[in-house]
């Protein structure tokens, strides 16, 4: 087949438009020869556009690029085919193959489409960033509620037993409280419980109690009527519990709730009654509450910082998530998962070698899963985009380890968090400038910031 059409300006324009689509597209003719693939597929399969056009759909499986193909299924059966496949780099994809038949019922061509969870998360992040009113908030919530948490990947025996029990109790409406250090995956587990409950098709509303100012806590939780206080919206506003009616509310950092709000939360849990700030009308909601904290609530009850009646109302189904340092098996599987994610995001090809894995397992990970993810992202950013091992950065990691240990000191010997963050930011900016050969605009785009902000940060750090 002649490929002269590839140089056609109209085709080039169409191809550029399709390449903006965040999913994998493939079209093959009636013989299975590939006619078109988009750029997203080329990057994920580690192929050039020209290489792909010399291949047959069977070659993708024969050469181990993917373990199975929905396009092959559609080609062989002349029916729509759904398959869950894995690329040679370990990325799991949901794939659909569509046969196109001519008027005689013969196969004319076949198309394949697949996607992974990363671009879905990008959509979620964009919606959250742009939310400015209740309508946009509700759209975001409904979208979040329709997707399983992506990060409940583990192999540790303790975590397996915890999640087995979580799945068992998920269909009930009983209150759940999840204890664990910061970064151990409490919200991931809450999402898992919701998605395995009878409310899975309803709203899942995550709320960080520690991020809401005390003076706004009541209006955020229960809403307010118009004119309730200075600065209030003329239309009033519904609160979190009304938004989540018939769904699930996840109250993270519940130990940060002020006592005044604790009393009103207790009433919601006991009767389902909600009363807006400045209003007289009572509303009744049907909400399941999942709470989480990194604090010892029993000790807080003894100190008078947490209501005893609320504690026992929450502590119906308690779960304790172990820190990452107690889950060495999870360190490996999560490191591999994050490595796959950031290799794809930054175009790097680093691999996890035994030496670095041993260091990972020996490290205490005070920031748990969140810190592990940040560490691997930094390594991917600082790579030179060539295939290499994490051991290239072992000295840097050793320094990072010693800094983390120093940061646990007290009094005059304590390391400034601000300085640590500034040093981390300088490393990221330097690495981006190195990869782009000093092109500031390109580096800013790669880091997802405006060029003005990039220049500002460069002046700040003398770069």
Protein backbone atom coordinates (compact mmCIF):
# COMPACT_ATOMS: atom_id res chain seq x y z
CA UNK A 1 0.00 0.00 0.00
CA UNK A 2 1.22 3.49 -0.85
CA UNK A 3 1.60 5.93 2.03
CA UNK A 4 1.88 9.08 -0.09
CA UNK A 5 -1.11 10.51 1.78
CA UNK A 6 1.11 10.91 4.88
CA UNK A 7 2.65 14.04 3.36
CA UNK A 8 -0.75 15.54 2.55
CA UNK A 9 -1.20 18.84 4.52
CA UNK A 10 -4.86 18.01 5.26
CA UNK A 11 -3.88 14.62 6.66
CA UNK A 12 -1.16 16.26 8.75
CA UNK A 13 -3.71 18.70 10.16
CA UNK A 14 -6.13 15.87 11.01
CA UNK A 15 -3.32 13.86 12.58
CA UNK A 16 -2.28 16.77 14.83
CA UNK A 17 -5.85 17.17 15.97
CA UNK A 18 -6.21 13.47 16.80
CA UNK A 19 -2.88 13.49 18.65
CA UNK A 20 -4.44 15.85 21.20
CA UNK A 21 -6.80 13.04 22.22
CA UNK A 22 -5.70 11.43 25.51
CA UNK A 23 -6.25 7.81 24.53
CA UNK A 24 -4.77 5.17 22.21
CA UNK A 25 -6.18 4.96 18.66
CA UNK A 26 -5.35 2.41 15.96
CA UNK A 27 -6.83 1.72 12.52
CA UNK A 28 -5.94 -1.36 10.42
CA UNK A 29 -7.15 -2.49 7.00
CA UNK A 30 -8.94 -5.73 6.06
CA UNK A 31 -5.64 -7.60 6.17
CA UNK A 32 -4.73 -6.36 9.62
CA UNK A 33 -2.02 -3.99 8.35
CA UNK A 34 -1.85 -0.86 10.47
CA UNK A 35 -2.92 2.29 8.62
CA UNK A 36 -2.88 4.82 11.46
CA UNK A 37 -1.95 5.22 15.12
CA UNK A 38 -2.01 8.37 17.20
CA UNK A 39 0.92 9.85 19.09
CA UNK A 40 -0.42 8.75 22.50
CA UNK A 41 -0.24 5.09 21.40
CA UNK A 42 3.26 5.54 19.97
CA UNK A 43 4.57 6.93 23.25
CA UNK A 44 2.87 4.26 25.35
CA UNK A 45 4.00 1.38 23.11
CA UNK A 46 7.48 2.93 22.61
CA UNK A 47 7.10 2.97 18.81
CA UNK A 48 7.60 5.65 16.18
CA UNK A 49 4.73 6.50 13.87
CA UNK A 50 6.72 5.18 10.91
CA UNK A 51 7.50 1.90 12.70
CA UNK A 52 3.83 1.33 13.50
CA UNK A 53 2.84 1.72 9.85
CA UNK A 54 5.13 -1.17 8.86
CA UNK A 55 3.41 -3.55 11.27
CA UNK A 56 0.38 -5.80 11.36
CA UNK A 57 -1.91 -5.93 14.40
CA UNK A 58 -0.67 -9.46 15.08
CA UNK A 59 2.90 -8.10 15.31
CA UNK A 60 2.00 -6.10 18.41
CA UNK A 61 1.35 -9.34 20.29
CA UNK A 62 4.03 -11.41 18.55
CA UNK A 63 6.74 -8.90 19.46
CA UNK A 64 5.53 -8.65 23.06
CA UNK A 65 4.53 -4.96 22.79
CA UNK A 66 1.16 -5.94 24.31
CA UNK A 67 0.04 -9.28 25.72
CA UNK A 68 -3.28 -9.37 23.84
CA UNK A 69 -5.20 -7.21 21.37
CA UNK A 70 -8.84 -6.19 21.16
CA UNK A 71 -8.24 -5.21 17.51
CA UNK A 72 -7.18 -8.82 16.78
CA UNK A 73 -10.32 -10.07 18.53
CA UNK A 74 -12.52 -7.81 16.41
CA UNK A 75 -10.56 -8.82 13.28
CA UNK A 76 -11.10 -12.53 13.91
CA UNK A 77 -14.73 -12.46 15.09
CA UNK A 78 -16.08 -9.47 13.12
CA UNK A 79 -17.68 -8.39 16.40
CA UNK A 80 -16.96 -5.71 18.95
CA UNK A 81 -14.30 -7.04 21.32
CA UNK A 82 -13.45 -5.83 24.85
CA UNK A 83 -10.17 -6.83 26.45
CA UNK A 84 -8.01 -5.92 29.42
CA UNK A 85 -4.41 -5.86 28.20
CA UNK A 86 -0.94 -5.06 29.51
CA UNK A 87 1.91 -3.35 27.65
CA UNK A 88 5.49 -4.59 27.83
CA UNK A 89 6.20 -1.76 30.32
CA UNK A 90 3.45 -3.05 32.62
CA UNK A 91 0.75 -0.44 31.89
CA UNK A 92 -2.74 -1.96 32.11
CA UNK A 93 -5.28 -0.80 29.52
CA UNK A 94 -8.99 -1.21 28.92
CA UNK A 95 -9.28 -1.81 25.18
CA UNK A 96 -12.11 -2.00 22.64
CA UNK A 97 -11.87 -3.29 19.07
CA UNK A 98 -14.48 -2.35 16.45
CA UNK A 99 -14.88 -4.15 13.09
CA UNK A 100 -16.10 -2.13 10.09
CA UNK A 101 -17.89 -4.32 7.50
CA UNK A 102 -18.67 -3.56 3.87
CA UNK A 103 -22.04 -4.08 2.18
CA UNK A 104 -21.24 -7.78 1.67
CA UNK A 105 -20.46 -8.35 5.35
CA UNK A 106 -16.72 -8.66 4.70
CA UNK A 107 -14.20 -6.95 6.95
CA UNK A 108 -13.31 -3.53 5.53
CA UNK A 109 -11.13 -2.31 8.40
CA UNK A 110 -10.81 -2.54 12.16
CA UNK A 111 -10.23 0.16 14.76
CA UNK A 112 -8.93 -0.13 18.30
CA UNK A 113 -9.26 2.23 21.24
CA UNK A 114 -7.77 1.92 24.73
CA UNK A 115 -7.06 4.08 27.76
CA UNK A 116 -5.51 3.91 31.20
CA UNK A 117 -6.43 5.68 34.44
CA UNK A 118 -3.90 8.54 34.19
CA UNK A 119 -5.78 10.69 31.70
CA UNK A 120 -9.00 10.22 33.70
CA UNK A 121 -7.19 11.66 36.70
CA UNK A 122 -6.07 14.61 34.57
CA UNK A 123 -9.72 15.32 33.74
CA UNK A 124 -10.66 15.15 37.43
CA UNK A 125 -7.84 17.53 38.37
CA UNK A 126 -8.90 20.00 35.69
CA UNK A 127 -12.53 19.99 36.83
CA UNK A 128 -11.51 20.49 40.46
CA UNK A 129 -9.27 23.42 39.49
CA UNK A 130 -12.07 25.12 37.56
CA UNK A 131 -14.91 24.62 40.03
CA UNK A 132 -16.36 28.00 41.00
CA UNK A 133 -19.92 27.33 42.03
CA UNK A 134 -22.15 24.62 43.41
CA UNK A 135 -23.10 23.32 39.99
CA UNK A 136 -19.47 22.67 39.03
CA UNK A 137 -18.78 21.19 42.45
CA UNK A 138 -21.64 18.72 42.02
CA UNK A 139 -20.40 17.72 38.57
CA UNK A 140 -16.97 17.04 40.01
CA UNK A 141 -18.40 15.02 42.88
CA UNK A 142 -20.50 12.87 40.55
CA UNK A 143 -17.48 12.23 38.37
CA UNK A 144 -15.32 11.28 41.34
CA UNK A 145 -18.07 9.02 42.62
CA UNK A 146 -18.16 7.08 39.37
CA UNK A 147 -14.53 5.97 39.47
CA UNK A 148 -12.74 3.38 41.59
CA UNK A 149 -9.71 4.58 43.52
CA UNK A 150 -6.65 3.82 41.41
CA UNK A 151 -4.03 3.46 44.14
CA UNK A 152 -5.28 0.50 46.22
CA UNK A 153 -2.37 -1.62 45.01
CA UNK A 154 -0.65 -3.70 47.67
CA UNK A 155 0.73 -7.17 48.37
CA UNK A 156 1.39 -7.02 52.11
CA UNK A 157 -0.52 -9.71 54.05
CA UNK A 158 -1.76 -7.22 56.66
CA UNK A 159 -3.15 -4.91 53.98
CA UNK A 160 -4.80 -7.80 52.15
CA UNK A 161 -6.62 -8.83 55.34
CA UNK A 162 -7.63 -5.23 56.07
CA UNK A 163 -9.09 -4.77 52.60
CA UNK A 164 -10.85 -8.13 52.75
CA UNK A 165 -12.56 -6.99 55.93
CA UNK A 166 -13.30 -3.57 54.39
CA UNK A 167 -15.03 -5.25 51.45
CA UNK A 168 -17.04 -7.41 53.85
CA UNK A 169 -18.38 -4.46 55.86
CA UNK A 170 -18.76 -2.10 52.87
CA UNK A 171 -22.44 -2.99 52.11
CA UNK A 172 -23.53 -1.95 55.61
CA UNK A 173 -24.40 1.64 56.50
CA UNK A 174 -22.40 1.62 59.74
CA UNK A 175 -19.93 4.40 60.49
CA UNK A 176 -16.29 3.60 59.78
CA UNK A 177 -13.19 5.25 61.22
CA UNK A 178 -9.74 4.72 59.73
CA UNK A 179 -6.64 5.32 61.84
CA UNK A 180 -3.20 5.74 60.34
CA UNK A 181 -0.25 8.03 59.84
CA UNK A 182 -0.38 10.74 57.22
CA UNK A 183 0.11 9.31 53.73
CA UNK A 184 -0.83 5.69 54.51
CA UNK A 185 -3.82 5.72 52.12
CA UNK A 186 -6.79 6.47 54.35
CA UNK A 187 -8.74 8.24 51.60
CA UNK A 188 -7.96 5.43 49.15
CA UNK A 189 -9.47 2.95 51.60
CA UNK A 190 -12.51 5.17 52.20
CA UNK A 191 -13.07 5.33 48.45
CA UNK A 192 -12.74 1.54 48.25
CA UNK A 193 -15.41 1.07 50.93
CA UNK A 194 -17.76 3.48 49.16
CA UNK A 195 -17.26 1.83 45.77
CA UNK A 196 -18.08 -1.59 47.25
CA UNK A 197 -21.14 -0.34 49.13
CA UNK A 198 -24.79 -0.05 48.17
CA UNK A 199 -24.16 3.69 47.71
CA UNK A 200 -21.52 3.23 45.02
CA UNK A 201 -23.64 4.97 42.39
CA UNK A 202 -24.14 7.99 44.65
CA UNK A 203 -21.93 10.85 45.79
CA UNK A 204 -18.58 10.27 47.54
CA UNK A 205 -17.67 13.56 49.23
CA UNK A 206 -14.10 13.83 50.63
CA UNK A 207 -13.63 16.63 53.18
CA UNK A 208 -10.37 17.61 54.89
CA UNK A 209 -11.51 18.93 58.25
CA UNK A 210 -8.08 20.39 58.96
CA UNK A 211 -8.22 22.57 55.83
CA UNK A 212 -11.46 24.39 56.72
CA UNK A 213 -11.14 27.47 58.98
CA UNK A 214 -13.07 27.05 62.25
CA UNK A 215 -15.25 30.07 61.54
CA UNK A 216 -16.39 28.55 58.24
CA UNK A 217 -16.73 24.96 59.44
CA UNK A 218 -20.43 25.09 60.29
CA UNK A 219 -21.49 26.80 57.05
CA UNK A 220 -19.39 24.37 54.97
CA UNK A 221 -20.87 21.33 56.70
CA UNK A 222 -24.49 22.43 56.97
CA UNK A 223 -24.88 25.31 54.49
CA UNK A 224 -26.46 28.68 55.13
CA UNK A 225 -29.55 30.69 54.20
CA UNK A 226 -29.31 33.99 52.31
CA UNK A 227 -28.13 36.88 54.46
CA UNK A 228 -26.97 34.57 57.25
CA UNK A 229 -23.77 36.59 57.73
CA UNK A 230 -21.73 39.34 56.11
CA UNK A 231 -20.37 38.17 52.78
CA UNK A 232 -22.88 35.33 52.44
CA UNK A 233 -24.26 34.60 48.98
CA UNK A 234 -27.64 36.19 48.23
CA UNK A 235 -28.93 32.79 47.15
CA UNK A 236 -27.64 30.92 50.19
CA UNK A 237 -25.73 27.68 49.87
CA UNK A 238 -26.29 24.01 50.61
CA UNK A 239 -23.76 22.26 52.81
CA UNK A 240 -21.65 19.14 52.42
CA UNK A 241 -24.18 16.79 54.03
CA UNK A 242 -27.04 17.97 51.79
CA UNK A 243 -24.82 17.59 48.72
CA UNK A 244 -23.97 14.04 49.74
CA UNK A 245 -27.52 12.92 50.57
CA UNK A 246 -27.86 9.15 49.97
CA UNK A 247 -24.09 8.98 49.45
CA UNK A 248 -20.95 8.90 51.57
CA UNK A 249 -19.07 11.70 53.35
CA UNK A 250 -15.40 11.08 54.10
CA UNK A 251 -14.24 13.26 57.00
CA UNK A 252 -10.46 13.24 56.91
CA UNK A 253 -8.49 14.62 59.89
CA UNK A 254 -11.62 14.49 62.03
CA UNK A 255 -9.48 15.10 65.12
CA UNK A 256 -9.17 18.73 63.97
CA UNK A 257 -12.92 19.41 64.32
CA UNK A 258 -13.70 22.13 66.90
CA UNK A 259 -15.91 21.05 69.81
CA UNK A 260 -18.81 23.24 68.63
CA UNK A 261 -18.93 21.44 65.28
CA UNK A 262 -18.49 18.04 66.94
CA UNK A 263 -21.80 18.50 68.76
CA UNK A 264 -23.66 19.28 65.53
CA UNK A 265 -21.98 16.41 63.69
CA UNK A 266 -23.14 14.06 66.44
CA UNK A 267 -26.74 15.16 65.83
CA UNK A 268 -26.43 14.44 62.12
CA UNK A 269 -25.05 10.97 62.83
CA UNK A 270 -27.80 10.16 65.33
CA UNK A 271 -30.87 11.66 63.62
CA UNK A 272 -29.82 12.72 60.11
CA UNK A 273 -31.02 16.24 60.91
CA UNK A 274 -29.34 19.24 59.26
CA UNK A 275 -30.10 22.90 59.95
CA UNK A 276 -28.49 25.62 57.84
CA UNK A 277 -26.75 28.59 59.43
CA UNK A 278 -29.23 31.46 59.74
CA UNK A 279 -32.17 29.24 58.83
CA UNK A 280 -35.07 27.71 60.74
CA UNK A 281 -36.00 24.86 58.41
CA UNK A 282 -34.72 21.38 59.22
CA UNK A 283 -33.57 18.94 56.58
CA UNK A 284 -33.06 15.21 56.96
CA UNK A 285 -30.29 13.49 55.05
CA UNK A 286 -29.29 9.87 54.58
CA UNK A 287 -25.51 9.92 54.65
CA UNK A 288 -22.92 7.31 55.56
CA UNK A 289 -19.89 8.76 57.34
CA UNK A 290 -16.36 7.42 57.01
CA UNK A 291 -13.90 9.27 59.22
CA UNK A 292 -10.11 9.19 59.36
CA UNK A 293 -7.42 10.58 61.63
CA UNK A 294 -3.72 10.32 62.41
CA UNK A 295 -4.39 11.24 66.04
CA UNK A 296 -5.25 9.17 69.11
CA UNK A 297 -8.88 10.10 69.67
CA UNK A 298 -9.06 8.21 72.98
CA UNK A 299 -6.31 10.40 74.39
CA UNK A 300 -8.07 13.49 73.01
CA UNK A 301 -11.27 12.39 74.79
CA UNK A 302 -9.30 12.14 78.05
CA UNK A 303 -7.89 15.63 77.46
CA UNK A 304 -11.31 17.11 76.73
CA UNK A 305 -10.43 17.89 73.10
CA UNK A 306 -12.84 15.39 71.57
CA UNK A 307 -16.37 14.54 72.63
CA UNK A 308 -16.69 11.10 74.18
CA UNK A 309 -20.18 10.53 72.78
CA UNK A 310 -19.02 11.42 69.26
CA UNK A 311 -15.98 9.13 69.63
CA UNK A 312 -18.16 6.10 70.42
CA UNK A 313 -20.59 7.05 67.65
CA UNK A 314 -17.71 7.04 65.15
CA UNK A 315 -15.77 4.06 66.50
CA UNK A 316 -18.24 1.44 65.23
CA UNK A 317 -15.99 -0.18 62.61
CA UNK A 318 -12.38 0.89 63.30
CA UNK A 319 -9.51 0.12 60.94
CA UNK A 320 -5.80 0.68 61.58
CA UNK A 321 -3.63 1.16 58.48
CA UNK A 322 0.01 0.20 59.15
CA UNK A 323 2.70 2.67 58.01
CA UNK A 324 4.67 1.90 54.86
CA UNK A 325 7.83 0.98 56.81
CA UNK A 326 5.92 -2.02 58.18
CA UNK A 327 4.87 -3.12 54.66
CA UNK A 328 8.10 -3.92 52.76
CA UNK A 329 6.25 -5.86 50.06
CA UNK A 330 4.11 -2.80 49.33
CA UNK A 331 7.19 -0.61 48.96
CA UNK A 332 8.25 -2.66 45.94
CA UNK A 333 4.87 -2.89 44.18
CA UNK A 334 4.06 0.78 44.79
CA UNK A 335 7.52 1.87 43.63
CA UNK A 336 6.99 -0.08 40.40
CA UNK A 337 3.55 1.47 39.95
CA UNK A 338 4.82 5.04 40.47
CA UNK A 339 7.85 4.36 38.27
CA UNK A 340 5.53 3.31 35.44
CA UNK A 341 3.38 6.41 35.95
CA UNK A 342 6.24 8.92 35.94
CA UNK A 343 8.25 7.24 33.19
CA UNK A 344 5.21 7.78 31.01
CA UNK A 345 4.57 11.31 32.24
CA UNK A 346 8.13 12.60 31.85
CA UNK A 347 9.34 10.37 29.03
CA UNK A 348 12.01 8.77 31.20
CA UNK A 349 13.00 5.09 31.14
CA UNK A 350 14.45 4.50 34.60
CA UNK A 351 14.18 1.08 36.20
CA UNK A 352 14.15 -0.13 39.78
CA UNK A 353 17.40 -1.97 40.52
CA UNK A 354 18.00 -4.33 43.50
CA UNK A 355 20.41 -1.92 45.22
CA UNK A 356 17.93 0.95 45.32
CA UNK A 357 15.05 -1.37 46.22
CA UNK A 358 17.05 -2.54 49.25
CA UNK A 359 17.56 1.10 50.27
CA UNK A 360 13.87 1.79 49.81
CA UNK A 361 12.97 -1.12 52.09
CA UNK A 362 15.50 -0.04 54.73
CA UNK A 363 14.26 3.57 54.80
CA UNK A 364 11.65 4.57 57.41
CA UNK A 365 9.39 6.60 55.03
CA UNK A 366 7.98 9.07 57.58
CA UNK A 367 5.77 10.47 54.81
CA UNK A 368 4.60 6.95 53.84
CA UNK A 369 3.11 6.38 50.37
CA UNK A 370 3.03 10.10 49.59
CA UNK A 371 6.77 10.42 50.26
CA UNK A 372 7.56 7.33 48.16
CA UNK A 373 5.59 8.77 45.26
CA UNK A 374 7.39 12.11 45.54
CA UNK A 375 10.79 10.41 45.68
CA UNK A 376 10.19 8.47 42.47
CA UNK A 377 8.74 11.50 40.70
CA UNK A 378 11.89 13.45 41.58
CA UNK A 379 14.06 10.65 40.19
CA UNK A 380 12.07 10.56 36.96
CA UNK A 381 12.33 14.35 36.58
CA UNK A 382 16.07 14.39 37.24
CA UNK A 383 16.80 11.60 34.75
CA UNK A 384 18.37 12.40 31.38
CA UNK A 385 15.55 10.51 29.58
CA UNK A 386 17.86 7.63 28.76
CA UNK A 387 17.33 4.09 29.95
CA UNK A 388 18.98 3.79 33.33
CA UNK A 389 18.69 2.43 36.84
CA UNK A 390 17.57 4.22 39.96
CA UNK A 391 21.06 3.56 41.36
CA UNK A 392 22.22 6.57 39.29
CA UNK A 393 20.56 8.65 41.98
CA UNK A 394 21.53 6.59 45.02
CA UNK A 395 23.89 9.28 46.37
CA UNK A 396 21.16 11.87 46.03
CA UNK A 397 18.79 9.54 47.83
CA UNK A 398 21.34 8.99 50.61
CA UNK A 399 21.54 12.76 51.08
CA UNK A 400 17.77 12.94 51.11
CA UNK A 401 17.69 10.19 53.72
CA UNK A 402 20.09 12.08 55.98
CA UNK A 403 18.09 15.28 55.54
CA UNK A 404 14.92 13.47 56.57
CA UNK A 405 16.68 12.15 59.66
CA UNK A 406 17.98 15.63 60.48
CA UNK A 407 14.51 17.07 60.05
CA UNK A 408 13.33 14.97 62.99
CA UNK A 409 15.68 16.82 65.38
CA UNK A 410 14.25 19.31 67.84
CA UNK A 411 14.98 22.82 69.15
CA UNK A 412 17.89 24.74 67.52
CA UNK A 413 19.04 21.71 65.51
CA UNK A 414 15.79 21.44 63.56
CA UNK A 415 15.97 21.80 59.75
CA UNK A 416 13.65 24.41 58.22
CA UNK A 417 10.83 22.85 56.17
CA UNK A 418 10.84 25.95 53.97
CA UNK A 419 14.53 25.46 53.13
CA UNK A 420 13.97 21.79 52.34
CA UNK A 421 11.11 22.65 49.97
CA UNK A 422 13.14 25.42 48.32
CA UNK A 423 16.05 23.05 47.71
CA UNK A 424 13.68 20.47 46.26
CA UNK A 425 12.14 23.11 43.94
CA UNK A 426 15.58 24.28 42.76
CA UNK A 427 16.52 20.70 41.81
CA UNK A 428 13.31 20.27 39.80
CA UNK A 429 13.74 23.58 37.93
CA UNK A 430 17.41 22.88 37.17
CA UNK A 431 16.55 19.43 35.82
CA UNK A 432 13.80 20.85 33.59
CA UNK A 433 16.13 23.52 32.19
CA UNK A 434 18.80 20.88 31.56
CA UNK A 435 16.36 18.65 29.66
CA UNK A 436 15.19 21.57 27.50
CA UNK A 437 18.73 22.92 26.90
CA UNK A 438 17.94 26.11 28.78
CA UNK A 439 14.71 26.91 26.88
CA UNK A 440 12.68 28.59 29.62
CA UNK A 441 9.29 28.53 27.88
CA UNK A 442 9.57 24.81 27.11
CA UNK A 443 10.71 24.05 30.66
CA UNK A 444 7.78 26.05 32.07
CA UNK A 445 5.33 24.10 29.92
CA UNK A 446 6.89 20.82 31.04
CA UNK A 447 6.47 21.82 34.69
CA UNK A 448 2.91 23.04 34.14
CA UNK A 449 3.52 26.66 35.16
CA UNK A 450 3.33 29.98 33.31
CA UNK A 451 6.58 31.35 31.93
CA UNK A 452 6.20 34.48 34.12
CA UNK A 453 6.17 32.26 37.20
CA UNK A 454 9.16 30.36 35.81
CA UNK A 455 11.19 33.56 35.42
CA UNK A 456 10.13 34.67 38.90
CA UNK A 457 11.36 31.44 40.45
CA UNK A 458 14.62 31.58 38.47
CA UNK A 459 15.27 35.10 39.79
CA UNK A 460 14.41 33.94 43.30
CA UNK A 461 16.97 31.14 43.20
CA UNK A 462 19.55 32.96 41.08
CA UNK A 463 19.30 30.54 38.16
